[in-house]
Amino acid sequence: MAKTRSYYGDGALSAAYYDLITAADLRLRGDEEIYAGLAEPGATILELGAGTGRLTCNLARRGFTITGVDIAAAMLAQAKRHVEDLEPEVAARISLRLGDLTSVDLKQTFDLAICPYHTLAHVPAGAAWRNGFRNAARHLEGGGLFAVHLPRLELMRSLGPIDPRAMVKDLPLQDGRRLRLYVRERQFRDGINRLDQVLDYTVADDSGAELQRSSERLILYMQDPVIFATEAGFVLDRPPIDLHGDGDIWVFRKADAPAASAG
């Protein structure tokens, strides 16, 4: 049995091919426009979970000044390379930081904070969510918005049995090879609402022979975010925004009173 890696960790194919996977993920269509619509032109944005810089770079192209934070060094290294390829005036609006969304302290405030593509769901929905919301509040002025993309619990719970031999993705690489994904294990735990999956990322040549394999554990948690947001001094700003039936972008507004410090 292949050793199971951490998703997006060093040496993980999920990190190496993140740009390809997200570009092919139709469930993300339109998320950039939603986040851009939450801020005034030229606003400052904090992105918690910047990944390889997909949103970071595109929002900077729209004229926003954005600080992207990510805990995965392998992902942030790719983001830095993407920033280097931008026009100088766009790149100058971007700052990238290695850090944990639950504790990073940038010692500044922003007009908008975003936590895209299920980033918050990667950490347990308890103290980590509580500190994540409090930390976002610490980086916003009163009235500032915090947008969080989260999966839908009913979909996590209803995923059916797996066939480890069935490909769930088959994507072409530029050199003629193929990136193929399989779900090897899946378990959902009620109560803590934890979806635990092991995905096999494989690279195959044009004859179908496997050249590389990485087994990676992906864990997602889901609880009612309003509870944690309220504790941190946020109020729900609008109904959750449906993102193609797979998840929702929850938008919270920081109340004028200062939020409690993280504990």
C-alpha atoms as a PDB file:
ATOM      1  CA  MET A   1       0.000   0.000   0.000  1.00  0.00           C
ATOM      2  CA  ALA A   2       1.389   3.396  -1.000  1.00  0.00           C
ATOM      3  CA  LYS A   3       2.220   5.858   1.727  1.00  0.00           C
ATOM      4  CA  THR A   4      -0.546   8.431   2.155  1.00  0.00           C
ATOM      5  CA  ARG A   5       0.571  12.044   1.881  1.00  0.00           C
ATOM      6  CA  SER A   6      -1.014  15.180   3.239  1.00  0.00           C
ATOM      7  CA  TYR A   7      -3.141  16.958   0.659  1.00  0.00           C
ATOM      8  CA  TYR A   8      -1.282  19.968  -0.828  1.00  0.00           C
ATOM      9  CA  GLY A   9       1.836  19.014   1.163  1.00  0.00           C
ATOM     10  CA  ASP A  10       5.423  18.951  -0.087  1.00  0.00           C
ATOM     11  CA  GLY A  11       5.795  16.433  -2.913  1.00  0.00           C
ATOM     12  CA  ALA A  12       2.010  16.000  -3.287  1.00  0.00           C
ATOM     13  CA  LEU A  13       0.694  15.861  -6.842  1.00  0.00           C
ATOM     14  CA  SER A  14      -2.401  17.773  -5.649  1.00  0.00           C
ATOM     15  CA  ALA A  15      -0.062  20.732  -5.090  1.00  0.00           C
ATOM     16  CA  ALA A  16       1.993  20.217  -8.239  1.00  0.00           C
ATOM     17  CA  TYR A  17      -1.101  20.113 -10.467  1.00  0.00           C
ATOM     18  CA  TYR A  18      -3.361  22.437  -8.482  1.00  0.00           C
ATOM     19  CA  ASP A  19      -3.658  24.952 -11.328  1.00  0.00           C
ATOM     20  CA  LEU A  20      -4.746  22.254 -13.761  1.00  0.00           C
ATOM     21  CA  ILE A  21      -7.317  20.796 -11.354  1.00  0.00           C
ATOM     22  CA  THR A  22      -8.891  24.131 -10.448  1.00  0.00           C
ATOM     23  CA  ALA A  23      -9.003  25.263 -14.086  1.00  0.00           C
ATOM     24  CA  ALA A  24     -11.021  22.121 -14.873  1.00  0.00           C
ATOM     25  CA  ASP A  25     -13.325  22.469 -11.849  1.00  0.00           C
ATOM     26  CA  LEU A  26     -16.547  23.986 -13.174  1.00  0.00           C
ATOM     27  CA  ARG A  27     -17.842  24.365  -9.612  1.00  0.00           C
ATOM     28  CA  LEU A  28     -15.546  27.389  -9.204  1.00  0.00           C
ATOM     29  CA  ARG A  29     -16.923  29.324 -12.163  1.00  0.00           C
ATOM     30  CA  GLY A  30     -17.792  32.889 -11.195  1.00  0.00           C
ATOM     31  CA  ASP A  31     -16.243  32.928  -7.733  1.00  0.00           C
ATOM     32  CA  GLU A  32     -13.763  35.643  -8.732  1.00  0.00           C
ATOM     33  CA  GLU A  33     -16.613  37.909  -9.856  1.00  0.00           C
ATOM     34  CA  ILE A  34     -18.448  37.353  -6.572  1.00  0.00           C
ATOM     35  CA  TYR A  35     -15.430  38.323  -4.470  1.00  0.00           C
ATOM     36  CA  ALA A  36     -14.639  41.322  -6.674  1.00  0.00           C
ATOM     37  CA  GLY A  37     -18.244  42.494  -6.317  1.00  0.00           C
ATOM     38  CA  LEU A  38     -17.903  42.637  -2.527  1.00  0.00           C
ATOM     39  CA  ALA A  39     -15.246  45.381  -2.592  1.00  0.00           C
ATOM     40  CA  GLU A  40     -15.037  48.948  -3.843  1.00  0.00           C
ATOM     41  CA  PRO A  41     -12.604  49.646  -6.725  1.00  0.00           C
ATOM     42  CA  GLY A  42      -9.031  49.770  -5.479  1.00  0.00           C
ATOM     43  CA  ALA A  43      -9.891  48.173  -2.120  1.00  0.00           C
ATOM     44  CA  THR A  44      -7.486  46.126  -0.025  1.00  0.00           C
ATOM     45  CA  ILE A  45      -8.196  42.387   0.237  1.00  0.00           C
ATOM     46  CA  LEU A  46      -6.896  39.697   2.572  1.00  0.00           C
ATOM     47  CA  GLU A  47      -7.025  36.220   1.038  1.00  0.00           C
ATOM     48  CA  LEU A  48      -6.818  33.401   3.584  1.00  0.00           C
ATOM     49  CA  GLY A  49      -5.888  30.314   1.592  1.00  0.00           C
ATOM     50  CA  ALA A  50      -4.268  31.849  -1.482  1.00  0.00           C
ATOM     51  CA  GLY A  51      -3.067  28.517  -2.876  1.00  0.00           C
ATOM     52  CA  THR A  52      -1.105  29.023  -6.078  1.00  0.00           C
ATOM     53  CA  GLY A  53      -2.474  32.523  -6.598  1.00  0.00           C
ATOM     54  CA  ARG A  54      -5.405  31.970  -8.953  1.00  0.00           C
ATOM     55  CA  LEU A  55      -7.599  34.571  -7.265  1.00  0.00           C
ATOM     56  CA  THR A  56      -4.679  36.597  -5.928  1.00  0.00           C
ATOM     57  CA  CYS A  57      -3.355  37.401  -9.378  1.00  0.00           C
ATOM     58  CA  ASN A  58      -6.747  37.890 -11.018  1.00  0.00           C
ATOM     59  CA  LEU A  59      -8.037  40.228  -8.306  1.00  0.00           C
ATOM     60  CA  ALA A  60      -4.813  42.259  -8.554  1.00  0.00           C
ATOM     61  CA  ARG A  61      -5.420  42.533 -12.308  1.00  0.00           C
ATOM     62  CA  ARG A  62      -8.776  44.080 -11.428  1.00  0.00           C
ATOM     63  CA  GLY A  63      -7.000  46.836  -9.489  1.00  0.00           C
ATOM     64  CA  PHE A  64      -7.256  45.510  -5.931  1.00  0.00           C
ATOM     65  CA  THR A  65      -4.320  45.436  -3.523  1.00  0.00           C
ATOM     66  CA  ILE A  66      -4.231  41.922  -2.105  1.00  0.00           C
ATOM     67  CA  THR A  67      -2.312  40.003   0.537  1.00  0.00           C
ATOM     68  CA  GLY A  68      -2.430  36.248   0.068  1.00  0.00           C
ATOM     69  CA  VAL A  69      -1.746  33.887   2.976  1.00  0.00           C
ATOM     70  CA  ASP A  70      -1.271  30.130   2.721  1.00  0.00           C
ATOM     71  CA  ILE A  71       0.066  27.454   5.055  1.00  0.00           C
ATOM     72  CA  ALA A  72       1.401  25.212   2.246  1.00  0.00           C
ATOM     73  CA  ALA A  73       4.895  26.247   1.174  1.00  0.00           C
ATOM     74  CA  ALA A  74       4.633  24.191  -2.033  1.00  0.00           C
ATOM     75  CA  MET A  75       1.545  26.128  -3.075  1.00  0.00           C
ATOM     76  CA  LEU A  76       2.922  29.520  -2.140  1.00  0.00           C
ATOM     77  CA  ALA A  77       6.098  28.877  -4.149  1.00  0.00           C
ATOM     78  CA  GLN A  78       3.946  28.455  -7.261  1.00  0.00           C
ATOM     79  CA  ALA A  79       2.013  31.610  -6.427  1.00  0.00           C
ATOM     80  CA  LYS A  80       5.273  33.553  -6.240  1.00  0.00           C
ATOM     81  CA  ARG A  81       6.247  32.322  -9.704  1.00  0.00           C
ATOM     82  CA  HIS A  82       2.875  33.418 -11.082  1.00  0.00           C
ATOM     83  CA  VAL A  83       3.316  36.869  -9.527  1.00  0.00           C
ATOM     84  CA  GLU A  84       6.746  37.177 -11.167  1.00  0.00           C
ATOM     85  CA  ASP A  85       5.081  36.673 -14.559  1.00  0.00           C
ATOM     86  CA  LEU A  86       2.661  39.568 -14.047  1.00  0.00           C
ATOM     87  CA  GLU A  87       3.120  43.095 -15.330  1.00  0.00           C
ATOM     88  CA  PRO A  88       5.151  45.057 -12.742  1.00  0.00           C
ATOM     89  CA  GLU A  89       2.304  47.410 -11.802  1.00  0.00           C
ATOM     90  CA  VAL A  90       0.012  44.424 -11.114  1.00  0.00           C
ATOM     91  CA  ALA A  91       2.651  42.464  -9.194  1.00  0.00           C
ATOM     92  CA  ALA A  92       3.285  45.528  -7.016  1.00  0.00           C
ATOM     93  CA  ARG A  93      -0.269  45.205  -5.644  1.00  0.00           C
ATOM     94  CA  ILE A  94       0.379  41.674  -4.326  1.00  0.00           C
ATOM     95  CA  SER A  95       1.983  40.502  -1.100  1.00  0.00           C
ATOM     96  CA  LEU A  96       2.316  36.791  -0.262  1.00  0.00           C
ATOM     97  CA  ARG A  97       2.803  35.391   3.234  1.00  0.00           C
ATOM     98  CA  LEU A  98       3.363  31.884   4.561  1.00  0.00           C
ATOM     99  CA  GLY A  99       1.025  31.503   7.519  1.00  0.00           C
ATOM    100  CA  ASP A 100      -1.892  29.814   9.255  1.00  0.00           C
ATOM    101  CA  LEU A 101      -5.299  31.418   8.729  1.00  0.00           C
ATOM    102  CA  THR A 102      -6.154  30.801  12.385  1.00  0.00           C
ATOM    103  CA  SER A 103      -3.202  32.722  13.793  1.00  0.00           C
ATOM    104  CA  VAL A 104      -1.334  34.839  11.233  1.00  0.00           C
ATOM    105  CA  ASP A 105      -1.000  38.454  12.392  1.00  0.00           C
ATOM    106  CA  LEU A 106      -0.296  40.914   9.594  1.00  0.00           C
ATOM    107  CA  LYS A 107      -0.656  43.941  11.880  1.00  0.00           C
ATOM    108  CA  GLN A 108      -2.901  45.755   9.422  1.00  0.00           C
ATOM    109  CA  THR A 109      -6.545  45.845   8.460  1.00  0.00           C
ATOM    110  CA  PHE A 110      -8.235  45.312   5.103  1.00  0.00           C
ATOM    111  CA  ASP A 111     -11.466  46.339   3.396  1.00  0.00           C
ATOM    112  CA  LEU A 112     -12.408  42.729   2.596  1.00  0.00           C
ATOM    113  CA  ALA A 113     -11.247  39.282   3.724  1.00  0.00           C
ATOM    114  CA  ILE A 114     -11.946  36.140   1.724  1.00  0.00           C
ATOM    115  CA  CYS A 115     -11.412  32.440   2.452  1.00  0.00           C
ATOM    116  CA  PRO A 116     -12.045  30.699  -0.891  1.00  0.00           C
ATOM    117  CA  TYR A 117     -12.400  27.163  -2.235  1.00  0.00           C
ATOM    118  CA  HIS A 118     -13.304  25.291   0.974  1.00  0.00           C
ATOM    119  CA  THR A 119     -10.099  26.421   2.711  1.00  0.00           C
ATOM    120  CA  LEU A 120     -11.735  26.746   6.131  1.00  0.00           C
ATOM    121  CA  ALA A 121     -13.293  23.285   5.727  1.00  0.00           C
ATOM    122  CA  HIS A 122      -9.795  21.755   5.729  1.00  0.00           C
ATOM    123  CA  VAL A 123      -9.445  22.441   9.469  1.00  0.00           C
ATOM    124  CA  PRO A 124     -11.624  20.954  12.265  1.00  0.00           C
ATOM    125  CA  ALA A 125     -14.858  22.834  12.891  1.00  0.00           C
ATOM    126  CA  GLY A 126     -14.142  23.690  16.504  1.00  0.00           C
ATOM    127  CA  ALA A 127     -11.361  25.797  17.962  1.00  0.00           C
ATOM    128  CA  ALA A 128      -9.732  26.187  14.536  1.00  0.00           C
ATOM    129  CA  TRP A 129     -12.895  27.660  12.995  1.00  0.00           C
ATOM    130  CA  ARG A 130     -13.393  29.844  16.052  1.00  0.00           C
ATOM    131  CA  ASN A 131      -9.865  31.228  15.788  1.00  0.00           C
ATOM    132  CA  GLY A 132     -10.156  31.557  12.022  1.00  0.00           C
ATOM    133  CA  PHE A 133     -13.202  33.811  12.293  1.00  0.00           C
ATOM    134  CA  ARG A 134     -11.660  35.808  15.124  1.00  0.00           C
ATOM    135  CA  ASN A 135      -8.472  36.272  13.162  1.00  0.00           C
ATOM    136  CA  ALA A 136     -10.380  37.476  10.118  1.00  0.00           C
ATOM    137  CA  ALA A 137     -12.243  39.954  12.336  1.00  0.00           C
ATOM    138  CA  ARG A 138      -8.945  41.225  13.739  1.00  0.00           C
ATOM    139  CA  HIS A 139      -7.843  42.117  10.201  1.00  0.00           C
ATOM    140  CA  LEU A 140     -11.013  44.065   9.318  1.00  0.00           C
ATOM    141  CA  GLU A 141     -12.329  47.474  10.256  1.00  0.00           C
ATOM    142  CA  GLY A 142     -15.878  47.715  11.570  1.00  0.00           C
ATOM    143  CA  GLY A 143     -18.278  47.116   8.688  1.00  0.00           C
ATOM    144  CA  GLY A 144     -15.727  45.091   6.708  1.00  0.00           C
ATOM    145  CA  LEU A 145     -16.883  41.936   4.935  1.00  0.00           C
ATOM    146  CA  PHE A 146     -15.581  38.374   5.312  1.00  0.00           C
ATOM    147  CA  ALA A 147     -16.532  35.906   2.547  1.00  0.00           C
ATOM    148  CA  VAL A 148     -16.088  32.171   3.166  1.00  0.00           C
ATOM    149  CA  HIS A 149     -16.651  29.428   0.591  1.00  0.00           C
ATOM    150  CA  LEU A 150     -17.848  26.220   2.265  1.00  0.00           C
ATOM    151  CA  PRO A 151     -19.095  22.845   0.995  1.00  0.00           C
ATOM    152  CA  ARG A 152     -22.682  21.731   1.438  1.00  0.00           C
ATOM    153  CA  LEU A 153     -23.162  19.318   4.288  1.00  0.00           C
ATOM    154  CA  GLU A 154     -25.959  17.378   2.593  1.00  0.00           C
ATOM    155  CA  LEU A 155     -23.697  16.628  -0.370  1.00  0.00           C
ATOM    156  CA  MET A 156     -20.809  15.552   1.850  1.00  0.00           C
ATOM    157  CA  ARG A 157     -23.154  13.210   3.706  1.00  0.00           C
ATOM    158  CA  SER A 158     -24.808  11.764   0.598  1.00  0.00           C
ATOM    159  CA  LEU A 159     -21.733  10.735  -1.388  1.00  0.00           C
ATOM    160  CA  GLY A 160     -22.222   7.140  -2.416  1.00  0.00           C
ATOM    161  CA  PRO A 161     -19.971   4.075  -2.396  1.00  0.00           C
ATOM    162  CA  ILE A 162     -16.675   4.247  -4.232  1.00  0.00           C
ATOM    163  CA  ASP A 163     -15.056   2.129  -6.918  1.00  0.00           C
ATOM    164  CA  PRO A 164     -11.283   2.490  -6.497  1.00  0.00           C
ATOM    165  CA  ARG A 165     -10.802   1.461 -10.134  1.00  0.00           C
ATOM    166  CA  ALA A 166     -13.058   4.217 -11.546  1.00  0.00           C
ATOM    167  CA  MET A 167     -11.349   7.398 -12.746  1.00  0.00           C
ATOM    168  CA  VAL A 168     -12.982  10.563 -11.424  1.00  0.00           C
ATOM    169  CA  LYS A 169     -10.754  12.861 -13.523  1.00  0.00           C
ATOM    170  CA  ASP A 170      -8.635  12.358 -16.628  1.00  0.00           C
ATOM    171  CA  LEU A 171      -6.821  15.519 -17.695  1.00  0.00           C
ATOM    172  CA  PRO A 172      -4.214  16.087 -20.428  1.00  0.00           C
ATOM    173  CA  LEU A 173      -0.795  17.475 -19.532  1.00  0.00           C
ATOM    174  CA  GLN A 174       1.136  19.692 -21.904  1.00  0.00           C
ATOM    175  CA  ASP A 175       3.754  17.012 -22.642  1.00  0.00           C
ATOM    176  CA  GLY A 176       1.224  14.412 -23.797  1.00  0.00           C
ATOM    177  CA  ARG A 177       0.950  12.590 -20.465  1.00  0.00           C
ATOM    178  CA  ARG A 178      -2.319  12.306 -18.513  1.00  0.00           C
ATOM    179  CA  LEU A 179      -3.203  13.209 -14.939  1.00  0.00           C
ATOM    180  CA  ARG A 180      -5.753  10.751 -13.555  1.00  0.00           C
ATOM    181  CA  LEU A 181      -7.567  10.750 -10.228  1.00  0.00           C
ATOM    182  CA  TYR A 182      -9.188   7.888  -8.329  1.00  0.00           C
ATOM    183  CA  VAL A 183     -10.989   7.814  -4.972  1.00  0.00           C
ATOM    184  CA  ARG A 184      -9.479   4.957  -2.961  1.00  0.00           C
ATOM    185  CA  GLU A 185     -11.216   5.483   0.399  1.00  0.00           C
ATOM    186  CA  ARG A 186     -14.186   7.486   1.643  1.00  0.00           C
ATOM    187  CA  GLN A 187     -15.829   7.795   5.042  1.00  0.00           C
ATOM    188  CA  PHE A 188     -18.273  10.336   6.473  1.00  0.00           C
ATOM    189  CA  ARG A 189     -18.636  10.765  10.239  1.00  0.00           C
ATOM    190  CA  ASP A 190     -21.875  12.310  11.463  1.00  0.00           C
ATOM    191  CA  GLY A 191     -21.810  14.590  14.462  1.00  0.00           C
ATOM    192  CA  ILE A 192     -18.396  16.021  13.706  1.00  0.00           C
ATOM    193  CA  ASN A 193     -19.478  16.168  10.024  1.00  0.00           C
ATOM    194  CA  ARG A 194     -16.123  15.021   8.720  1.00  0.00           C
ATOM    195  CA  LEU A 195     -15.594  13.712   5.198  1.00  0.00           C
ATOM    196  CA  ASP A 196     -12.374  11.688   4.984  1.00  0.00           C
ATOM    197  CA  GLN A 197     -11.160  10.617   1.549  1.00  0.00           C
ATOM    198  CA  VAL A 198      -7.962   9.201   0.093  1.00  0.00           C
ATOM    199  CA  LEU A 199      -7.397  10.194  -3.527  1.00  0.00           C
ATOM    200  CA  ASP A 200      -4.842   8.582  -5.806  1.00  0.00           C
ATOM    201  CA  TYR A 201      -3.211  11.059  -8.177  1.00  0.00           C
ATOM    202  CA  THR A 202      -1.465   9.277 -11.048  1.00  0.00           C
ATOM    203  CA  VAL A 203       0.522  10.429 -14.060  1.00  0.00           C
ATOM    204  CA  ALA A 204       0.395   8.109 -17.079  1.00  0.00           C
ATOM    205  CA  ASP A 205       2.129   8.182 -20.456  1.00  0.00           C
ATOM    206  CA  ASP A 206       0.282   8.166 -23.769  1.00  0.00           C
ATOM    207  CA  SER A 207       0.085   4.360 -23.683  1.00  0.00           C
ATOM    208  CA  GLY A 208      -1.613   4.403 -20.281  1.00  0.00           C
ATOM    209  CA  ALA A 209       1.406   3.146 -18.339  1.00  0.00           C
ATOM    210  CA  GLU A 210       1.593   4.656 -14.865  1.00  0.00           C
ATOM    211  CA  LEU A 211       4.679   6.809 -14.327  1.00  0.00           C
ATOM    212  CA  GLN A 212       3.931   8.378 -10.961  1.00  0.00           C
ATOM    213  CA  ARG A 213       1.430   7.920  -8.126  1.00  0.00           C
ATOM    214  CA  SER A 214       0.626   9.952  -5.007  1.00  0.00           C
ATOM    215  CA  SER A 215      -2.001   8.792  -2.489  1.00  0.00           C
ATOM    216  CA  GLU A 216      -3.317  11.798  -0.596  1.00  0.00           C
ATOM    217  CA  ARG A 217      -5.728  12.212   2.288  1.00  0.00           C
ATOM    218  CA  LEU A 218      -8.308  14.983   1.907  1.00  0.00           C
ATOM    219  CA  ILE A 219     -10.412  15.813   4.987  1.00  0.00           C
ATOM    220  CA  LEU A 220     -13.262  18.326   4.988  1.00  0.00           C
ATOM    221  CA  TYR A 221     -15.371  19.496   7.929  1.00  0.00           C
ATOM    222  CA  MET A 222     -18.668  21.355   7.889  1.00  0.00           C
ATOM    223  CA  GLN A 223     -20.721  23.007  10.634  1.00  0.00           C
ATOM    224  CA  ASP A 224     -23.000  26.034  10.775  1.00  0.00           C
ATOM    225  CA  PRO A 225     -20.576  28.953  10.217  1.00  0.00           C
ATOM    226  CA  VAL A 226     -22.994  31.509  11.663  1.00  0.00           C
ATOM    227  CA  ILE A 227     -22.279  30.268  15.194  1.00  0.00           C
ATOM    228  CA  PHE A 228     -18.538  30.888  14.873  1.00  0.00           C
ATOM    229  CA  ALA A 229     -19.024  34.146  12.985  1.00  0.00           C
ATOM    230  CA  THR A 230     -21.342  35.533  15.657  1.00  0.00           C
ATOM    231  CA  GLU A 231     -18.837  34.701  18.407  1.00  0.00           C
ATOM    232  CA  ALA A 232     -16.197  36.669  16.471  1.00  0.00           C
ATOM    233  CA  GLY A 233     -18.371  39.765  16.133  1.00  0.00           C
ATOM    234  CA  PHE A 234     -19.803  39.180  12.639  1.00  0.00           C
ATOM    235  CA  VAL A 235     -23.379  39.273  11.401  1.00  0.00           C
ATOM    236  CA  LEU A 236     -24.655  37.512   8.286  1.00  0.00           C
ATOM    237  CA  ASP A 237     -24.691  40.178   5.568  1.00  0.00           C
ATOM    238  CA  ARG A 238     -26.882  38.376   3.014  1.00  0.00           C
ATOM    239  CA  PRO A 239     -28.185  34.895   2.210  1.00  0.00           C
ATOM    240  CA  PRO A 240     -25.445  32.394   1.258  1.00  0.00           C
ATOM    241  CA  ILE A 241     -24.479  32.667  -2.416  1.00  0.00           C
ATOM    242  CA  ASP A 242     -24.957  29.366  -4.244  1.00  0.00           C
ATOM    243  CA  LEU A 243     -21.906  28.299  -6.228  1.00  0.00           C
ATOM    244  CA  HIS A 244     -23.255  25.759  -8.730  1.00  0.00           C
ATOM    245  CA  GLY A 245     -25.048  23.632  -6.140  1.00  0.00           C
ATOM    246  CA  ASP A 246     -21.828  22.255  -4.671  1.00  0.00           C
ATOM    247  CA  GLY A 247     -21.121  24.882  -2.032  1.00  0.00           C
ATOM    248  CA  ASP A 248     -21.985  28.370  -0.864  1.00  0.00           C
ATOM    249  CA  ILE A 249     -20.132  31.616  -0.299  1.00  0.00           C
ATOM    250  CA  TRP A 250     -21.163  32.955   3.098  1.00  0.00           C
ATOM    251  CA  VAL A 251     -20.731  36.713   3.506  1.00  0.00           C
ATOM    252  CA  PHE A 252     -20.435  38.181   7.000  1.00  0.00           C
ATOM    253  CA  ARG A 253     -20.118  41.804   8.070  1.00  0.00           C
ATOM    254  CA  LYS A 254     -18.002  42.803  11.054  1.00  0.00           C
ATOM    255  CA  ALA A 255     -20.010  44.735  13.625  1.00  0.00           C
ATOM    256  CA  ASP A 256     -18.674  48.099  14.780  1.00  0.00           C
ATOM    257  CA  ALA A 257     -17.739  46.701  18.200  1.00  0.00           C
ATOM    258  CA  PRO A 258     -14.281  45.060  18.292  1.00  0.00           C
ATOM    259  CA  ALA A 259     -14.240  41.264  18.135  1.00  0.00           C
ATOM    260  CA  ALA A 260     -12.857  39.169  20.988  1.00  0.00           C
ATOM    261  CA  SER A 261      -9.187  38.238  20.728  1.00  0.00           C
ATOM    262  CA  ALA A 262      -8.291  34.678  19.730  1.00  0.00           C
ATOM    263  CA  GLY A 263      -7.811  32.248  22.570  1.00  0.00           C
END
